[in-house]
Amino acid sequence: MSTIWIVNILAVFLLCVFLAGIVIPQILLIAFRRRLFDVPDERKIHHGVVPRLGGMAFKPVVFFSFGLILSINVSMGHYELLREIGAEALPLAYAFCAIIMLYLIGIADDLIGVRYRAKFFMQIVCGVMLVAAGVGLSDLHGLMFLHTLPIWLTIPVTIFLTVFIINAINLIDGIDGLASGLCSIAFMFYGFTFIHLEQYVYAMLSFATLGVLVPFFYYNVFGKAEKGRKIFMGDTGSLTIGIMLCFLSLQVAQMTASAMPEHFNPFVLAFAPLIVPCFDVVRVYCHRVRNGRNPFLPDKNHIHHKLLAIGMRQRTAMVTIVIVSTLLTLLNILLSTYIGPTLLLIMDIVIWTALNILISRKIRQKEQTGNTHPTEQ
């Protein structure tokens, strides 16, 4: 890895941290002046009014920082970044269009509300764009003992995966720092993966997005609502972060096993960082269907709600889930050189199911204890 790429990656990361740290307080100021708040209700955990427009800063800062670094490189006579972008022009252009589409839908949803059918339609369009860009899940690398997929199967699988990942990120955004914490870990994994693969443009995109999440995480977790310093990412943030994660994960999945560092399985390396949000949304959807409820209507049955129900504080629950996600990611990646992805998936399902059963038992025990106290007294 040459010095120029190290400098570029560090520069775009630090620039995004700096600019997001400037822009987010300005969004807070505008939100309070225009009274653009996320008002608490019976389903939400937070108290007091909190702006939910933090995601508006994400992609403009990333794109500006990326463009500025490119301009500086060209002005100084370094054309490596320009050549790399040129070589990846098609997928980058389609990804840019998909991100802008979801960015605009997210803003509309955060300001006036958008029906979930309209959001699903736009997510499907984004999936079609990724397919048109040649970014599709065309190889399962041994999952379910399958490898290369025919084009007629690659297209619907990619579109489904796009919609699935975007909604998984959107739905995990339930307590302070959870979505941004999980996504930060994922972007870090992808960033180092692309460095090893010498795909430096995608490494820059990974670390740039990580950069905007750092100051947001600070305001989201440590900001005080009563002082007007707390903010949520809203659908603008979760949708655009979701499509970026989908795009980067598919790029990793397209690599061959021989190109991977230490010959890790590409499928595992691509999707291991997304295990927790993806598994959680599957469990929640199944729970809603089993109970005869609309699977697309929100409830309080996500993993973070269950941890809160056993008495954990918000921050403790967030840290616990992020640590579990990090450990599961590392475990899957390390074991992928010895175990096939099918067996790893079964192992993950068993671990996730066991954890949820344990938490559910603790919830029932707490409820039973709470019900017996008045009688005992």
Protein backbone atom coordinates (compact mmCIF):
# COMPACT_ATOMS: atom_id res chain seq x y z
CA MET A 1 0.00 0.00 0.00
CA SER A 2 1.59 3.26 -1.15
CA THR A 3 1.87 6.37 0.99
CA ILE A 4 -0.55 8.31 -1.22
CA TRP A 5 -3.38 5.90 -0.43
CA ILE A 6 -2.66 6.00 3.30
CA VAL A 7 -2.79 9.79 3.17
CA ASN A 8 -6.00 9.81 1.11
CA ILE A 9 -7.82 7.39 3.40
CA LEU A 10 -6.75 9.22 6.56
CA ALA A 11 -7.55 12.59 4.99
CA VAL A 12 -11.07 11.69 3.90
CA PHE A 13 -11.80 10.12 7.29
CA LEU A 14 -10.57 13.12 9.29
CA LEU A 15 -12.22 15.60 6.92
CA CYS A 16 -15.57 13.84 7.34
CA VAL A 17 -15.18 13.84 11.13
CA PHE A 18 -14.37 17.56 11.08
CA LEU A 19 -17.13 18.63 8.66
CA ALA A 20 -19.83 16.48 10.25
CA GLY A 21 -18.81 17.94 13.61
CA ILE A 22 -19.55 21.39 12.15
CA VAL A 23 -22.70 20.55 10.19
CA ILE A 24 -24.59 18.55 12.84
CA PRO A 25 -24.76 21.44 15.37
CA GLN A 26 -26.09 23.66 12.57
CA ILE A 27 -28.79 21.10 11.80
CA LEU A 28 -29.67 21.08 15.51
CA LEU A 29 -29.97 24.88 15.46
CA ILE A 30 -32.24 24.87 12.39
CA ALA A 31 -34.37 22.04 13.77
CA PHE A 32 -35.05 23.90 17.00
CA ARG A 33 -35.76 27.18 15.22
CA ARG A 34 -38.23 25.47 12.86
CA ARG A 35 -39.50 23.05 15.53
CA LEU A 36 -38.64 19.94 13.51
CA PHE A 37 -38.73 17.31 16.24
CA ASP A 38 -39.23 13.60 16.79
CA VAL A 39 -42.06 13.77 19.32
CA PRO A 40 -42.13 10.85 21.80
CA ASP A 41 -45.07 8.44 21.86
CA GLU A 42 -45.98 5.14 23.55
CA ARG A 43 -43.64 3.12 21.26
CA LYS A 44 -40.58 5.37 21.54
CA ILE A 45 -38.09 5.24 24.35
CA HIS A 46 -36.76 8.79 24.46
CA HIS A 47 -38.32 11.60 26.49
CA GLY A 48 -38.54 15.18 25.36
CA VAL A 49 -38.33 16.58 21.86
CA VAL A 50 -35.30 15.55 19.79
CA PRO A 51 -34.54 16.54 16.17
CA ARG A 52 -34.30 13.55 13.82
CA LEU A 53 -32.50 15.19 10.91
CA GLY A 54 -28.95 14.08 11.74
CA GLY A 55 -28.82 11.89 8.64
CA MET A 56 -29.05 14.98 6.44
CA ALA A 57 -25.36 15.58 7.16
CA PHE A 58 -24.13 12.11 6.21
CA LYS A 59 -23.91 11.83 2.45
CA PRO A 60 -23.37 15.52 1.55
CA VAL A 61 -20.34 15.51 3.86
CA VAL A 62 -19.05 12.21 2.40
CA PHE A 63 -19.48 13.35 -1.21
CA PHE A 64 -17.99 16.80 -0.55
CA SER A 65 -14.99 15.33 1.27
CA PHE A 66 -14.44 12.74 -1.45
CA GLY A 67 -14.65 15.40 -4.17
CA LEU A 68 -12.30 17.74 -2.32
CA ILE A 69 -9.68 15.03 -1.78
CA LEU A 70 -9.92 14.11 -5.48
CA SER A 71 -9.48 17.75 -6.50
CA ILE A 72 -6.44 18.17 -4.26
CA ASN A 73 -4.91 14.97 -5.65
CA VAL A 74 -5.31 16.13 -9.25
CA SER A 75 -4.07 19.65 -8.44
CA MET A 76 -0.90 18.14 -6.95
CA GLY A 77 -0.33 15.89 -9.95
CA HIS A 78 -1.41 12.64 -8.29
CA TYR A 79 -3.77 10.84 -10.65
CA GLU A 80 -4.01 7.47 -8.88
CA LEU A 81 -7.38 8.27 -7.28
CA LEU A 82 -8.77 9.63 -10.55
CA ARG A 83 -7.73 6.48 -12.40
CA GLU A 84 -9.28 4.26 -9.71
CA ILE A 85 -12.55 6.19 -9.90
CA GLY A 86 -12.50 5.94 -13.69
CA ALA A 87 -12.05 2.18 -13.51
CA GLU A 88 -15.06 1.93 -11.16
CA ALA A 89 -17.14 4.64 -12.83
CA LEU A 90 -20.20 2.49 -13.59
CA PRO A 91 -20.85 1.04 -10.11
CA LEU A 92 -19.94 4.32 -8.42
CA ALA A 93 -22.30 6.32 -10.65
CA TYR A 94 -25.24 3.97 -10.06
CA ALA A 95 -24.51 3.85 -6.33
CA PHE A 96 -24.42 7.66 -6.23
CA CYS A 97 -27.86 7.81 -7.91
CA ALA A 98 -29.30 5.20 -5.53
CA ILE A 99 -27.98 7.05 -2.49
CA ILE A 100 -29.40 10.38 -3.68
CA MET A 101 -32.81 8.78 -4.29
CA LEU A 102 -32.97 7.35 -0.78
CA TYR A 103 -31.55 10.57 0.66
CA LEU A 104 -34.47 12.54 -0.81
CA ILE A 105 -37.03 9.93 0.28
CA GLY A 106 -35.53 9.97 3.77
CA ILE A 107 -35.77 13.75 4.03
CA ALA A 108 -39.41 13.65 2.91
CA ASP A 109 -40.17 10.93 5.44
CA ASP A 110 -38.47 12.77 8.30
CA LEU A 111 -40.25 16.04 7.49
CA ILE A 112 -43.76 15.06 6.37
CA GLY A 113 -43.90 11.23 6.37
CA VAL A 114 -43.84 8.76 3.46
CA ARG A 115 -45.92 5.57 3.18
CA TYR A 116 -43.89 2.40 3.60
CA ARG A 117 -45.07 1.13 0.19
CA ALA A 118 -43.44 4.12 -1.50
CA LYS A 119 -40.22 3.53 0.41
CA PHE A 120 -40.23 -0.15 -0.56
CA PHE A 121 -40.73 0.78 -4.21
CA MET A 122 -37.77 3.16 -4.17
CA GLN A 123 -35.63 0.53 -2.44
CA ILE A 124 -36.50 -1.94 -5.19
CA VAL A 125 -35.47 0.67 -7.78
CA CYS A 126 -32.15 1.01 -5.94
CA GLY A 127 -31.70 -2.76 -6.13
CA VAL A 128 -32.32 -2.62 -9.88
CA MET A 129 -29.69 0.11 -10.15
CA LEU A 130 -27.11 -2.04 -8.37
CA VAL A 131 -27.88 -4.90 -10.75
CA ALA A 132 -27.51 -2.53 -13.72
CA ALA A 133 -24.14 -1.46 -12.30
CA GLY A 134 -22.96 -5.06 -12.31
CA VAL A 135 -22.99 -5.17 -8.51
CA GLY A 136 -24.98 -8.30 -7.80
CA LEU A 137 -24.83 -11.40 -5.66
CA SER A 138 -23.81 -13.74 -8.47
CA ASP A 139 -21.84 -16.18 -6.30
CA LEU A 140 -22.87 -17.61 -2.93
CA HIS A 141 -19.36 -19.02 -2.33
CA GLY A 142 -20.68 -22.30 -0.97
CA LEU A 143 -23.69 -21.10 1.04
CA MET A 144 -26.28 -23.87 0.84
CA PHE A 145 -23.60 -25.60 -1.26
CA LEU A 146 -24.27 -23.16 -4.11
CA HIS A 147 -21.71 -21.13 -6.01
CA THR A 148 -22.29 -19.26 -9.28
CA LEU A 149 -25.91 -18.17 -9.76
CA PRO A 150 -27.58 -17.77 -13.16
CA ILE A 151 -28.45 -14.22 -14.16
CA TRP A 152 -32.21 -14.87 -13.83
CA LEU A 153 -31.61 -15.70 -10.16
CA THR A 154 -28.91 -13.08 -9.48
CA ILE A 155 -31.29 -10.21 -10.28
CA PRO A 156 -34.13 -11.01 -7.81
CA VAL A 157 -31.68 -12.15 -5.11
CA THR A 158 -29.76 -8.85 -5.35
CA ILE A 159 -32.94 -6.77 -5.28
CA PHE A 160 -34.29 -8.72 -2.29
CA LEU A 161 -30.96 -8.38 -0.47
CA THR A 162 -30.91 -4.62 -1.11
CA VAL A 163 -34.38 -4.12 0.35
CA PHE A 164 -33.63 -6.49 3.22
CA ILE A 165 -30.38 -4.82 4.34
CA ILE A 166 -31.77 -1.29 4.05
CA ASN A 167 -34.75 -2.18 6.23
CA ALA A 168 -32.61 -4.12 8.69
CA ILE A 169 -30.53 -0.99 9.33
CA ASN A 170 -33.64 1.18 9.46
CA LEU A 171 -35.37 -1.05 12.02
CA ILE A 172 -32.37 -1.54 14.32
CA ASP A 173 -32.26 2.23 14.89
CA GLY A 174 -34.22 2.07 18.14
CA ILE A 175 -31.97 3.30 20.95
CA ASP A 176 -29.19 5.86 21.19
CA GLY A 177 -26.01 4.85 19.39
CA LEU A 178 -27.17 1.41 18.30
CA ALA A 179 -27.51 1.84 14.53
CA SER A 180 -24.52 4.17 14.29
CA GLY A 181 -22.43 1.88 16.52
CA LEU A 182 -23.25 -1.28 14.56
CA CYS A 183 -22.74 0.48 11.23
CA SER A 184 -19.45 2.01 12.36
CA ILE A 185 -18.09 -1.45 13.16
CA ALA A 186 -19.29 -2.70 9.76
CA PHE A 187 -17.68 0.20 7.88
CA MET A 188 -14.44 -0.38 9.75
CA PHE A 189 -14.40 -4.05 8.75
CA TYR A 190 -15.19 -3.17 5.13
CA GLY A 191 -12.56 -0.45 5.09
CA PHE A 192 -9.74 -2.75 6.17
CA THR A 193 -11.03 -5.48 3.85
CA PHE A 194 -10.86 -3.17 0.84
CA ILE A 195 -7.37 -2.06 1.85
CA HIS A 196 -6.24 -5.70 1.82
CA LEU A 197 -7.97 -6.18 -1.54
CA GLU A 198 -6.28 -3.01 -2.88
CA GLN A 199 -9.70 -1.55 -3.68
CA TYR A 200 -8.74 1.84 -2.30
CA VAL A 201 -11.71 3.86 -3.62
CA TYR A 202 -14.10 1.63 -1.68
CA ALA A 203 -11.81 1.78 1.34
CA MET A 204 -12.07 5.58 1.18
CA LEU A 205 -15.87 5.38 0.96
CA SER A 206 -15.95 3.06 3.97
CA PHE A 207 -13.76 5.25 6.15
CA ALA A 208 -15.47 8.44 4.93
CA THR A 209 -18.86 7.11 6.05
CA LEU A 210 -17.29 5.96 9.30
CA GLY A 211 -16.01 9.52 9.69
CA VAL A 212 -19.47 11.11 9.58
CA LEU A 213 -20.80 8.56 12.06
CA VAL A 214 -18.21 9.46 14.71
CA PRO A 215 -19.51 12.97 15.57
CA PHE A 216 -23.10 11.83 15.07
CA PHE A 217 -22.54 9.04 17.60
CA TYR A 218 -21.27 11.63 20.09
CA TYR A 219 -24.34 13.86 19.74
CA ASN A 220 -26.74 10.91 19.63
CA VAL A 221 -25.37 9.14 22.72
CA PHE A 222 -23.85 11.87 24.87
CA GLY A 223 -25.91 14.89 23.79
CA LYS A 224 -28.46 16.17 26.29
CA ALA A 225 -32.00 16.61 24.97
CA GLU A 226 -32.79 19.25 27.58
CA LYS A 227 -29.84 21.32 26.33
CA GLY A 228 -30.75 20.93 22.67
CA ARG A 229 -27.61 18.90 21.89
CA LYS A 230 -29.17 15.52 21.09
CA ILE A 231 -30.09 14.34 17.59
CA PHE A 232 -31.36 11.22 15.79
CA MET A 233 -30.28 10.10 12.31
CA GLY A 234 -33.87 9.63 11.13
CA ASP A 235 -34.81 7.77 7.95
CA THR A 236 -32.48 10.02 5.94
CA GLY A 237 -29.55 8.55 7.81
CA SER A 238 -30.67 4.94 8.15
CA LEU A 239 -31.74 4.61 4.49
CA THR A 240 -28.55 6.09 3.05
CA ILE A 241 -26.31 4.19 5.45
CA GLY A 242 -28.25 1.03 4.60
CA ILE A 243 -27.76 1.37 0.83
CA MET A 244 -24.06 2.15 1.33
CA LEU A 245 -23.60 -0.98 3.46
CA CYS A 246 -25.46 -3.02 0.86
CA PHE A 247 -23.30 -1.64 -1.95
CA LEU A 248 -20.03 -2.29 -0.11
CA SER A 249 -21.06 -5.76 1.06
CA LEU A 250 -21.96 -6.78 -2.50
CA GLN A 251 -18.60 -5.47 -3.71
CA VAL A 252 -16.85 -7.73 -1.19
CA ALA A 253 -19.07 -10.69 -2.10
CA GLN A 254 -18.03 -10.34 -5.74
CA MET A 255 -14.39 -11.04 -4.94
CA THR A 256 -12.89 -14.47 -5.48
CA ALA A 257 -11.74 -16.56 -2.52
CA SER A 258 -8.14 -16.49 -3.82
CA ALA A 259 -8.11 -12.68 -3.65
CA MET A 260 -9.17 -12.64 -0.01
CA PRO A 261 -6.64 -12.07 2.79
CA GLU A 262 -5.84 -15.44 4.38
CA HIS A 263 -8.39 -16.95 1.95
CA PHE A 264 -11.39 -15.95 4.05
CA ASN A 265 -14.73 -16.84 2.50
CA PRO A 266 -15.94 -13.77 0.53
CA PHE A 267 -19.61 -14.34 1.42
CA VAL A 268 -18.82 -14.48 5.13
CA LEU A 269 -16.54 -11.46 4.94
CA ALA A 270 -19.25 -9.53 3.08
CA PHE A 271 -22.19 -10.21 5.38
CA ALA A 272 -20.76 -11.12 8.80
CA PRO A 273 -20.75 -7.44 9.91
CA LEU A 274 -24.51 -7.32 9.25
CA ILE A 275 -25.51 -10.43 11.22
CA VAL A 276 -27.14 -8.69 14.18
CA PRO A 277 -29.44 -6.26 12.31
CA CYS A 278 -30.34 -8.90 9.69
CA PHE A 279 -31.05 -11.66 12.21
CA ASP A 280 -33.03 -9.29 14.39
CA VAL A 281 -35.32 -8.15 11.57
CA VAL A 282 -36.00 -11.78 10.55
CA ARG A 283 -36.91 -12.73 14.12
CA VAL A 284 -39.16 -9.68 14.54
CA TYR A 285 -40.95 -10.24 11.23
CA CYS A 286 -41.53 -13.93 12.07
CA HIS A 287 -42.84 -12.97 15.52
CA ARG A 288 -45.31 -10.47 14.02
CA VAL A 289 -46.59 -12.93 11.40
CA ARG A 290 -46.94 -15.70 13.99
CA ASN A 291 -49.04 -13.40 16.15
CA GLY A 292 -51.23 -12.35 13.24
CA ARG A 293 -49.86 -8.80 13.06
CA ASN A 294 -48.78 -6.76 10.05
CA PRO A 295 -45.02 -7.50 9.69
CA PHE A 296 -44.41 -3.95 8.47
CA LEU A 297 -45.97 -2.15 11.43
CA PRO A 298 -43.56 -1.20 14.25
CA ASP A 299 -43.61 -2.72 17.71
CA LYS A 300 -41.31 -3.11 20.72
CA ASN A 301 -40.00 -6.60 20.12
CA HIS A 302 -36.51 -5.86 18.77
CA ILE A 303 -33.43 -7.14 20.56
CA HIS A 304 -32.76 -3.76 22.18
CA HIS A 305 -36.34 -3.64 23.52
CA LYS A 306 -35.86 -7.09 25.05
CA LEU A 307 -32.63 -6.04 26.76
CA LEU A 308 -34.36 -2.97 28.15
CA ALA A 309 -37.16 -5.22 29.40
CA ILE A 310 -34.75 -7.21 31.58
CA GLY A 311 -33.61 -4.00 33.23
CA MET A 312 -30.62 -2.87 31.18
CA ARG A 313 -30.01 0.82 30.73
CA GLN A 314 -30.08 2.15 27.18
CA ARG A 315 -26.34 2.69 26.96
CA THR A 316 -25.56 -0.72 28.47
CA ALA A 317 -27.90 -2.41 25.99
CA MET A 318 -26.29 -0.54 23.09
CA VAL A 319 -22.75 -1.44 24.14
CA THR A 320 -23.76 -5.07 24.72
CA ILE A 321 -25.28 -5.44 21.24
CA VAL A 322 -22.32 -3.73 19.53
CA ILE A 323 -19.86 -5.99 21.38
CA VAL A 324 -21.88 -9.11 20.47
CA SER A 325 -21.96 -7.98 16.83
CA THR A 326 -18.20 -7.39 16.79
CA LEU A 327 -17.46 -10.77 18.37
CA LEU A 328 -19.82 -12.60 16.00
CA THR A 329 -18.22 -10.85 13.03
CA LEU A 330 -14.70 -11.78 14.11
CA LEU A 331 -15.74 -15.35 14.95
CA ASN A 332 -17.36 -15.86 11.55
CA ILE A 333 -14.48 -14.37 9.60
CA LEU A 334 -11.82 -16.35 11.46
CA LEU A 335 -13.75 -19.62 11.21
CA SER A 336 -14.52 -19.12 7.50
CA THR A 337 -11.09 -20.48 6.60
CA TYR A 338 -11.95 -23.78 8.33
CA ILE A 339 -15.76 -24.08 8.15
CA GLY A 340 -18.09 -23.65 5.18
CA PRO A 341 -20.60 -20.78 5.12
CA THR A 342 -23.60 -23.13 5.48
CA LEU A 343 -22.31 -24.57 8.75
CA LEU A 344 -21.37 -21.07 9.92
CA LEU A 345 -24.90 -19.85 9.20
CA ILE A 346 -26.36 -22.74 11.20
CA MET A 347 -23.96 -21.91 14.05
CA ASP A 348 -25.02 -18.24 13.97
CA ILE A 349 -28.72 -19.16 14.01
CA VAL A 350 -28.17 -21.47 16.99
CA ILE A 351 -26.22 -18.78 18.91
CA TRP A 352 -28.79 -16.08 18.09
CA THR A 353 -31.72 -18.30 19.00
CA ALA A 354 -30.08 -19.36 22.27
CA LEU A 355 -29.38 -15.74 23.22
CA ASN A 356 -32.98 -14.73 22.49
CA ILE A 357 -34.38 -17.67 24.46
CA LEU A 358 -32.18 -16.76 27.42
CA ILE A 359 -33.30 -13.12 27.29
CA SER A 360 -36.97 -14.12 26.95
CA ARG A 361 -36.69 -16.34 30.03
CA LYS A 362 -35.16 -13.50 32.01
CA ILE A 363 -38.02 -11.23 30.93
CA ARG A 364 -40.60 -13.79 32.08
CA GLN A 365 -38.77 -14.27 35.38
CA LYS A 366 -38.74 -10.54 35.95
CA GLU A 367 -42.44 -10.24 35.12
CA GLN A 368 -43.29 -13.14 37.47
CA THR A 369 -41.18 -11.63 40.24
CA GLY A 370 -42.90 -8.29 39.74
CA ASN A 371 -46.33 -9.93 39.91
CA THR A 372 -45.53 -11.82 43.13
CA HIS A 373 -44.25 -8.82 45.10
CA PRO A 374 -47.68 -7.33 45.95
CA THR A 375 -48.93 -10.73 47.19
CA GLU A 376 -45.86 -11.32 49.30
CA GLN A 377 -46.22 -7.94 50.92
